[in-house]
C-alpha atoms as a PDB file:
ATOM      1  CA  UNK A   1       0.000   0.000   0.000  1.00  0.00           C
ATOM      2  CA  UNK A   2       2.827   2.403   0.849  1.00  0.00           C
ATOM      3  CA  UNK A   3       4.422   1.804  -2.554  1.00  0.00           C
ATOM      4  CA  UNK A   4       1.162   2.674  -4.316  1.00  0.00           C
ATOM      5  CA  UNK A   5       0.773   5.859  -2.260  1.00  0.00           C
ATOM      6  CA  UNK A   6       4.351   6.925  -3.004  1.00  0.00           C
ATOM      7  CA  UNK A   7       3.845   6.225  -6.710  1.00  0.00           C
ATOM      8  CA  UNK A   8       0.628   8.277  -6.849  1.00  0.00           C
ATOM      9  CA  UNK A   9       2.295  11.143  -4.979  1.00  0.00           C
ATOM     10  CA  UNK A  10       5.111  10.993  -7.506  1.00  0.00           C
ATOM     11  CA  UNK A  11       2.645  11.319 -10.373  1.00  0.00           C
ATOM     12  CA  UNK A  12       1.202  14.372  -8.636  1.00  0.00           C
ATOM     13  CA  UNK A  13       4.619  15.927  -8.144  1.00  0.00           C
ATOM     14  CA  UNK A  14       5.525  15.515 -11.803  1.00  0.00           C
ATOM     15  CA  UNK A  15       2.144  16.944 -12.857  1.00  0.00           C
ATOM     16  CA  UNK A  16       2.596  19.981 -10.591  1.00  0.00           C
ATOM     17  CA  UNK A  17       6.088  20.458 -11.978  1.00  0.00           C
ATOM     18  CA  UNK A  18       4.782  20.495 -15.528  1.00  0.00           C
ATOM     19  CA  UNK A  19       1.930  22.845 -14.617  1.00  0.00           C
ATOM     20  CA  UNK A  20       4.373  25.369 -13.151  1.00  0.00           C
ATOM     21  CA  UNK A  21       6.711  25.187 -16.148  1.00  0.00           C
ATOM     22  CA  UNK A  22       3.835  25.666 -18.599  1.00  0.00           C
ATOM     23  CA  UNK A  23       1.987  28.288 -16.521  1.00  0.00           C
ATOM     24  CA  UNK A  24       3.585  31.284 -18.193  1.00  0.00           C
ATOM     25  CA  UNK A  25       4.311  32.785 -14.773  1.00  0.00           C
ATOM     26  CA  UNK A  26       6.755  35.689 -14.906  1.00  0.00           C
ATOM     27  CA  UNK A  27       9.237  33.722 -12.808  1.00  0.00           C
ATOM     28  CA  UNK A  28       9.436  31.126 -15.583  1.00  0.00           C
ATOM     29  CA  UNK A  29       8.697  33.243 -18.665  1.00  0.00           C
ATOM     30  CA  UNK A  30      11.535  35.701 -18.014  1.00  0.00           C
ATOM     31  CA  UNK A  31      14.202  33.008 -17.793  1.00  0.00           C
ATOM     32  CA  UNK A  32      16.534  32.660 -20.766  1.00  0.00           C
ATOM     33  CA  UNK A  33      15.728  29.477 -22.724  1.00  0.00           C
ATOM     34  CA  UNK A  34      19.074  27.867 -21.885  1.00  0.00           C
ATOM     35  CA  UNK A  35      18.576  28.454 -18.152  1.00  0.00           C
ATOM     36  CA  UNK A  36      14.999  27.183 -18.341  1.00  0.00           C
ATOM     37  CA  UNK A  37      16.173  23.976 -20.031  1.00  0.00           C
ATOM     38  CA  UNK A  38      18.842  23.401 -17.359  1.00  0.00           C
ATOM     39  CA  UNK A  39      16.402  24.215 -14.551  1.00  0.00           C
ATOM     40  CA  UNK A  40      13.760  21.894 -15.985  1.00  0.00           C
ATOM     41  CA  UNK A  41      16.185  18.962 -16.267  1.00  0.00           C
ATOM     42  CA  UNK A  42      17.669  19.585 -12.830  1.00  0.00           C
ATOM     43  CA  UNK A  43      14.317  19.775 -11.069  1.00  0.00           C
ATOM     44  CA  UNK A  44      13.003  16.717 -12.916  1.00  0.00           C
ATOM     45  CA  UNK A  45      16.105  14.788 -11.849  1.00  0.00           C
ATOM     46  CA  UNK A  46      15.554  15.944  -8.258  1.00  0.00           C
ATOM     47  CA  UNK A  47      11.875  14.877  -8.342  1.00  0.00           C
ATOM     48  CA  UNK A  48      12.837  11.500  -9.801  1.00  0.00           C
ATOM     49  CA  UNK A  49      15.510  10.963  -7.142  1.00  0.00           C
ATOM     50  CA  UNK A  50      13.065  11.748  -4.342  1.00  0.00           C
ATOM     51  CA  UNK A  51      10.448   9.435  -5.842  1.00  0.00           C
ATOM     52  CA  UNK A  52      12.945   6.588  -6.202  1.00  0.00           C
ATOM     53  CA  UNK A  53      14.096   7.074  -2.606  1.00  0.00           C
ATOM     54  CA  UNK A  54      10.512   7.050  -1.313  1.00  0.00           C
ATOM     55  CA  UNK A  55       9.666   3.934  -3.336  1.00  0.00           C
ATOM     56  CA  UNK A  56      12.824   2.161  -2.190  1.00  0.00           C
ATOM     57  CA  UNK A  57      12.183   2.979   1.460  1.00  0.00           C
ATOM     58  CA  UNK A  58       8.539   1.874   1.173  1.00  0.00           C
ATOM     59  CA  UNK A  59       9.703  -1.390  -0.395  1.00  0.00           C
ATOM     60  CA  UNK A  60      12.230  -1.823   2.425  1.00  0.00           C
ATOM     61  CA  UNK A  61       9.447  -1.492   5.001  1.00  0.00           C
ATOM     62  CA  UNK A  62      10.165   2.024   6.248  1.00  0.00           C
ATOM     63  CA  UNK A  63       6.712   3.414   5.500  1.00  0.00           C
ATOM     64  CA  UNK A  64       7.315   6.572   7.542  1.00  0.00           C
ATOM     65  CA  UNK A  65       9.427   7.801   4.604  1.00  0.00           C
ATOM     66  CA  UNK A  66       6.260   7.813   2.538  1.00  0.00           C
ATOM     67  CA  UNK A  67       4.791  10.120   5.162  1.00  0.00           C
ATOM     68  CA  UNK A  68       7.741  12.451   4.730  1.00  0.00           C
ATOM     69  CA  UNK A  69       7.304  12.259   0.961  1.00  0.00           C
ATOM     70  CA  UNK A  70       3.606  13.059   1.421  1.00  0.00           C
ATOM     71  CA  UNK A  71       4.542  16.148   3.465  1.00  0.00           C
ATOM     72  CA  UNK A  72       6.973  17.209   0.726  1.00  0.00           C
ATOM     73  CA  UNK A  73       4.234  16.631  -1.863  1.00  0.00           C
ATOM     74  CA  UNK A  74       1.797  18.772   0.120  1.00  0.00           C
ATOM     75  CA  UNK A  75       4.285  21.636   0.215  1.00  0.00           C
ATOM     76  CA  UNK A  76       5.157  21.128  -3.457  1.00  0.00           C
ATOM     77  CA  UNK A  77       1.501  21.048  -4.498  1.00  0.00           C
ATOM     78  CA  UNK A  78       0.699  24.132  -2.447  1.00  0.00           C
ATOM     79  CA  UNK A  79       3.570  26.069  -4.005  1.00  0.00           C
ATOM     80  CA  UNK A  80       2.512  24.945  -7.488  1.00  0.00           C
ATOM     81  CA  UNK A  81      -1.067  26.037  -6.806  1.00  0.00           C
ATOM     82  CA  UNK A  82       0.145  29.460  -5.638  1.00  0.00           C
ATOM     83  CA  UNK A  83       2.273  29.889  -8.762  1.00  0.00           C
ATOM     84  CA  UNK A  84      -0.283  28.612 -11.284  1.00  0.00           C
ATOM     85  CA  UNK A  85      -3.113  30.733  -9.829  1.00  0.00           C
ATOM     86  CA  UNK A  86      -0.781  33.761  -9.755  1.00  0.00           C
ATOM     87  CA  UNK A  87      -1.122  34.329  -6.035  1.00  0.00           C
ATOM     88  CA  UNK A  88       2.641  34.746  -5.785  1.00  0.00           C
END
């Protein structure tokens, strides 16, 4: 069950990441294309690393790591919502 939860949270994190990149927010739109490409790849690699770590720890039986990943996802989703809705 913990593996499924971590996987679904990972899907959410990648979706929020894409929504922020494609939002047209000034923070993203004003970046030079080369910097945006580097930032996109770096943040995707970071998201993937966190997801792999959460899945590995859930598989190893340390389900509390999924709780930490859920807290990270809540913060990540909240920040994405603030950016996409232009509240920041």
